[in-house]
Amino acid sequence: MFDFLKRGQLVRRGLASKKTRRRRTRNDLLRSLEHALYVKVFIFVAFVAGLAFLVFSGQQPEPTKNFVIALLFLATAMIQLWINQPKTFSQNSRILLVFGVIFIQLAVTKLVLVLCNSGNYRILKPEMGGLITPYAFAPLVLSVLLGRNHGLYAAVFVSLWSSVLFGRIDAPLLVTSLISGFTAVSLTLQVRRRSKLIRAGIGVGLAIWLLSL
């Protein structure tokens, strides 16, 4: 009460502003979850379960071998994130963002290519799968939200995981995904306007069409 009256006097004298800055109260629960080890383990276990679902779904040859390779890629990704991006590795929200966006791209890639190769739809032909696959989704999103290094990180590992989702390592898919991801990151180094995102999308689209030709 006294603070309110004192502030009113300061406002009348012109020594304080009528507007006050909104203060966020600290939530101890959220802070503990942000750095809890069991949350970090849960995120990685959930990602492994998602990889297993994507690799073993369908009738591709040697799914167990591809799943082991995918786990080795995951171990490499975790070590590289821990060494090169310790701030991101220490914050569970950032880990969830990075691997959540990567898994979304992997799931959509699997869905698109399976539908195109199924032959059940006239519009979705096998040769169209390589053109409409969202190769640069994860690199583009993470480059804008977290920076260039995270975009490059996503471009490399999402390409490696995508190449083992359909049996034998798909070299054209790997190369196309890498080049598309690097193109998206290079075009979003300084994104301050929406037009830059549109330019990045057009650049990635042109890169994919040139590679398809």
Protein backbone atom coordinates (compact mmCIF):
# COMPACT_ATOMS: atom_id res chain seq x y z
CA MET A 1 0.00 0.00 0.00
CA PHE A 2 2.78 2.42 0.96
CA ASP A 3 4.76 1.48 -2.14
CA PHE A 4 1.72 2.25 -4.30
CA LEU A 5 1.27 5.71 -2.73
CA LYS A 6 4.96 6.46 -3.00
CA ARG A 7 4.97 5.47 -6.66
CA GLY A 8 1.94 7.72 -7.26
CA GLN A 9 3.83 10.68 -5.84
CA LEU A 10 6.82 9.95 -8.06
CA VAL A 11 4.57 9.74 -11.13
CA ARG A 12 2.99 13.12 -10.30
CA ARG A 13 6.45 14.66 -9.98
CA GLY A 14 7.52 13.17 -13.30
CA LEU A 15 10.18 10.98 -11.70
CA ALA A 16 8.55 7.67 -12.65
CA SER A 17 6.59 6.24 -15.54
CA LYS A 18 2.95 5.22 -15.35
CA LYS A 19 3.75 1.99 -17.15
CA THR A 20 5.46 -0.76 -15.19
CA ARG A 21 7.47 -3.63 -16.58
CA ARG A 22 5.81 -6.98 -16.19
CA ARG A 23 7.90 -9.30 -14.09
CA ARG A 24 7.86 -13.03 -14.56
CA THR A 25 7.89 -15.11 -11.41
CA ARG A 26 10.38 -17.93 -11.29
CA ASN A 27 8.92 -21.39 -11.37
CA ASP A 28 11.10 -23.79 -9.42
CA LEU A 29 9.44 -26.82 -11.02
CA LEU A 30 10.18 -25.64 -14.55
CA ARG A 31 13.75 -24.80 -13.60
CA SER A 32 14.27 -28.28 -12.18
CA LEU A 33 12.75 -29.91 -15.27
CA GLU A 34 14.96 -27.78 -17.52
CA HIS A 35 18.13 -29.38 -16.18
CA ALA A 36 16.88 -32.72 -14.82
CA LEU A 37 18.79 -35.76 -16.02
CA TYR A 38 15.73 -38.03 -16.17
CA VAL A 39 13.98 -35.58 -18.52
CA LYS A 40 16.99 -35.64 -20.82
CA VAL A 41 17.03 -39.44 -20.78
CA PHE A 42 13.29 -39.53 -21.50
CA ILE A 43 13.73 -37.27 -24.55
CA PHE A 44 16.45 -39.47 -26.03
CA VAL A 45 14.53 -42.69 -25.26
CA ALA A 46 11.45 -41.25 -26.96
CA PHE A 47 13.57 -40.33 -30.01
CA VAL A 48 14.99 -43.87 -30.13
CA ALA A 49 11.46 -45.27 -30.00
CA GLY A 50 10.45 -42.98 -32.84
CA LEU A 51 13.44 -44.09 -34.91
CA ALA A 52 12.55 -47.73 -34.27
CA PHE A 53 9.01 -47.13 -35.47
CA LEU A 54 10.19 -45.43 -38.66
CA VAL A 55 12.87 -48.02 -39.46
CA PHE A 56 10.80 -51.14 -38.74
CA SER A 57 7.62 -49.87 -40.42
CA GLY A 58 7.23 -51.14 -43.95
CA GLN A 59 8.92 -54.08 -45.62
CA GLN A 60 12.43 -52.79 -46.28
CA PRO A 61 15.31 -55.30 -46.09
CA GLU A 62 17.57 -55.59 -43.01
CA PRO A 63 15.69 -53.24 -40.66
CA THR A 64 17.69 -54.40 -37.61
CA LYS A 65 20.97 -53.48 -39.29
CA ASN A 66 19.62 -50.06 -40.24
CA PHE A 67 18.34 -49.48 -36.71
CA VAL A 68 21.78 -50.23 -35.26
CA ILE A 69 23.31 -47.76 -37.73
CA ALA A 70 20.69 -45.19 -36.71
CA LEU A 71 21.64 -45.71 -33.04
CA LEU A 72 25.30 -45.15 -33.90
CA PHE A 73 24.32 -41.91 -35.63
CA LEU A 74 22.41 -40.94 -32.49
CA ALA A 75 25.41 -41.61 -30.26
CA THR A 76 27.55 -39.45 -32.55
CA ALA A 77 24.92 -36.71 -32.55
CA MET A 78 24.73 -36.69 -28.75
CA ILE A 79 28.50 -36.50 -28.36
CA GLN A 80 28.83 -33.73 -30.92
CA LEU A 81 26.02 -31.75 -29.30
CA TRP A 82 27.62 -32.18 -25.88
CA ILE A 83 31.06 -31.02 -27.11
CA ASN A 84 30.15 -28.26 -29.57
CA GLN A 85 26.90 -26.96 -28.03
CA PRO A 86 27.15 -27.45 -24.25
CA LYS A 87 24.51 -24.79 -23.57
CA THR A 88 21.97 -26.60 -25.74
CA PHE A 89 22.89 -29.98 -24.27
CA SER A 90 22.37 -28.68 -20.73
CA GLN A 91 18.87 -27.32 -21.46
CA ASN A 92 16.18 -29.94 -21.95
CA SER A 93 13.88 -27.52 -23.76
CA ARG A 94 16.50 -26.98 -26.45
CA ILE A 95 17.17 -30.70 -26.76
CA LEU A 96 13.44 -31.29 -27.17
CA LEU A 97 13.27 -28.59 -29.84
CA VAL A 98 16.26 -29.92 -31.82
CA PHE A 99 15.31 -33.59 -31.81
CA GLY A 100 11.60 -32.90 -32.04
CA VAL A 101 12.02 -30.88 -35.24
CA ILE A 102 14.38 -33.51 -36.66
CA PHE A 103 11.91 -36.31 -35.92
CA ILE A 104 9.07 -34.37 -37.56
CA GLN A 105 11.11 -34.11 -40.76
CA LEU A 106 12.01 -37.81 -40.64
CA ALA A 107 8.38 -38.81 -40.12
CA VAL A 108 7.11 -36.61 -42.95
CA THR A 109 9.90 -37.85 -45.24
CA LYS A 110 8.99 -41.46 -44.53
CA LEU A 111 5.29 -40.78 -45.09
CA VAL A 112 5.80 -38.91 -48.37
CA LEU A 113 8.14 -41.46 -49.92
CA VAL A 114 6.00 -44.43 -48.81
CA LEU A 115 2.88 -42.87 -50.31
CA CYS A 116 4.68 -42.04 -53.55
CA ASN A 117 6.10 -45.55 -53.89
CA SER A 118 2.87 -47.32 -52.97
CA GLY A 119 1.22 -46.69 -56.34
CA ASN A 120 -2.17 -46.15 -54.74
CA TYR A 121 -2.44 -42.52 -55.81
CA ARG A 122 -2.27 -41.22 -59.37
CA ILE A 123 -0.92 -37.85 -58.37
CA LEU A 124 1.80 -39.20 -56.08
CA LYS A 125 4.18 -41.04 -58.39
CA PRO A 126 7.54 -42.52 -57.31
CA GLU A 127 9.54 -39.87 -59.17
CA MET A 128 7.64 -37.12 -57.36
CA GLY A 129 8.82 -38.27 -53.95
CA GLY A 130 12.23 -36.72 -54.41
CA LEU A 131 10.67 -33.38 -55.34
CA ILE A 132 8.14 -32.88 -52.54
CA THR A 133 10.14 -34.30 -49.63
CA PRO A 134 10.81 -31.56 -46.99
CA TYR A 135 14.60 -31.94 -47.03
CA ALA A 136 15.35 -28.55 -45.46
CA PHE A 137 12.60 -28.31 -42.82
CA ALA A 138 14.74 -29.04 -39.75
CA PRO A 139 17.84 -27.08 -40.89
CA LEU A 140 15.69 -24.09 -41.81
CA VAL A 141 13.73 -24.02 -38.54
CA LEU A 142 16.72 -24.58 -36.27
CA SER A 143 18.89 -22.10 -38.18
CA VAL A 144 16.28 -19.39 -37.66
CA LEU A 145 15.50 -20.23 -34.02
CA LEU A 146 18.88 -21.30 -32.63
CA GLY A 147 21.51 -20.17 -35.13
CA ARG A 148 23.67 -21.38 -37.99
CA ASN A 149 25.53 -24.10 -36.07
CA HIS A 150 22.31 -25.81 -35.07
CA GLY A 151 21.06 -25.62 -38.65
CA LEU A 152 24.21 -27.31 -39.95
CA TYR A 153 23.94 -29.89 -37.18
CA ALA A 154 20.40 -30.72 -38.22
CA ALA A 155 21.32 -30.82 -41.91
CA VAL A 156 24.01 -33.45 -41.33
CA PHE A 157 22.23 -35.79 -38.97
CA VAL A 158 18.75 -35.59 -40.44
CA SER A 159 20.33 -36.54 -43.79
CA LEU A 160 22.13 -39.51 -42.24
CA TRP A 161 18.98 -40.77 -40.53
CA SER A 162 16.88 -40.25 -43.66
CA SER A 163 19.26 -42.39 -45.70
CA VAL A 164 18.67 -45.49 -43.52
CA LEU A 165 14.88 -45.36 -43.30
CA PHE A 166 14.28 -47.42 -46.44
CA GLY A 167 16.70 -50.35 -46.32
CA ARG A 168 20.06 -49.82 -47.99
CA ILE A 169 21.70 -46.43 -47.56
CA ASP A 170 20.11 -44.18 -50.17
CA ALA A 171 23.01 -42.13 -51.57
CA PRO A 172 20.90 -39.78 -53.77
CA LEU A 173 18.61 -39.04 -50.84
CA LEU A 174 21.62 -38.38 -48.60
CA VAL A 175 23.27 -36.00 -51.08
CA THR A 176 20.05 -34.16 -51.88
CA SER A 177 19.20 -33.73 -48.20
CA LEU A 178 22.69 -32.47 -47.35
CA ILE A 179 22.82 -29.92 -50.17
CA SER A 180 19.28 -28.73 -49.45
CA GLY A 181 20.04 -28.35 -45.75
CA PHE A 182 23.24 -26.43 -46.36
CA THR A 183 21.46 -24.19 -48.84
CA ALA A 184 18.73 -23.42 -46.30
CA VAL A 185 21.28 -22.54 -43.62
CA SER A 186 23.34 -20.34 -45.93
CA LEU A 187 20.24 -18.37 -46.94
CA THR A 188 19.08 -17.83 -43.35
CA LEU A 189 22.26 -16.48 -41.75
CA GLN A 190 20.61 -13.11 -41.06
CA VAL A 191 16.84 -13.49 -41.07
CA ARG A 192 15.19 -10.29 -39.89
CA ARG A 193 12.29 -10.14 -42.30
CA ARG A 194 9.78 -12.61 -43.66
CA SER A 195 11.06 -12.02 -47.18
CA LYS A 196 14.33 -13.71 -46.21
CA LEU A 197 12.43 -16.87 -45.28
CA ILE A 198 10.62 -16.79 -48.60
CA ARG A 199 13.94 -16.36 -50.39
CA ALA A 200 15.39 -19.31 -48.48
CA GLY A 201 12.41 -21.47 -49.44
CA ILE A 202 12.76 -20.54 -53.11
CA GLY A 203 16.50 -21.23 -53.01
CA VAL A 204 16.01 -24.66 -51.47
CA GLY A 205 13.31 -25.48 -54.02
CA LEU A 206 15.59 -24.53 -56.91
CA ALA A 207 18.42 -26.61 -55.45
CA ILE A 208 16.16 -29.67 -55.20
CA TRP A 209 14.89 -29.26 -58.78
CA LEU A 210 18.42 -28.86 -60.15
CA LEU A 211 19.55 -31.99 -58.29
CA SER A 212 16.55 -33.92 -59.62
CA LEU A 213 17.43 -32.93 -63.17
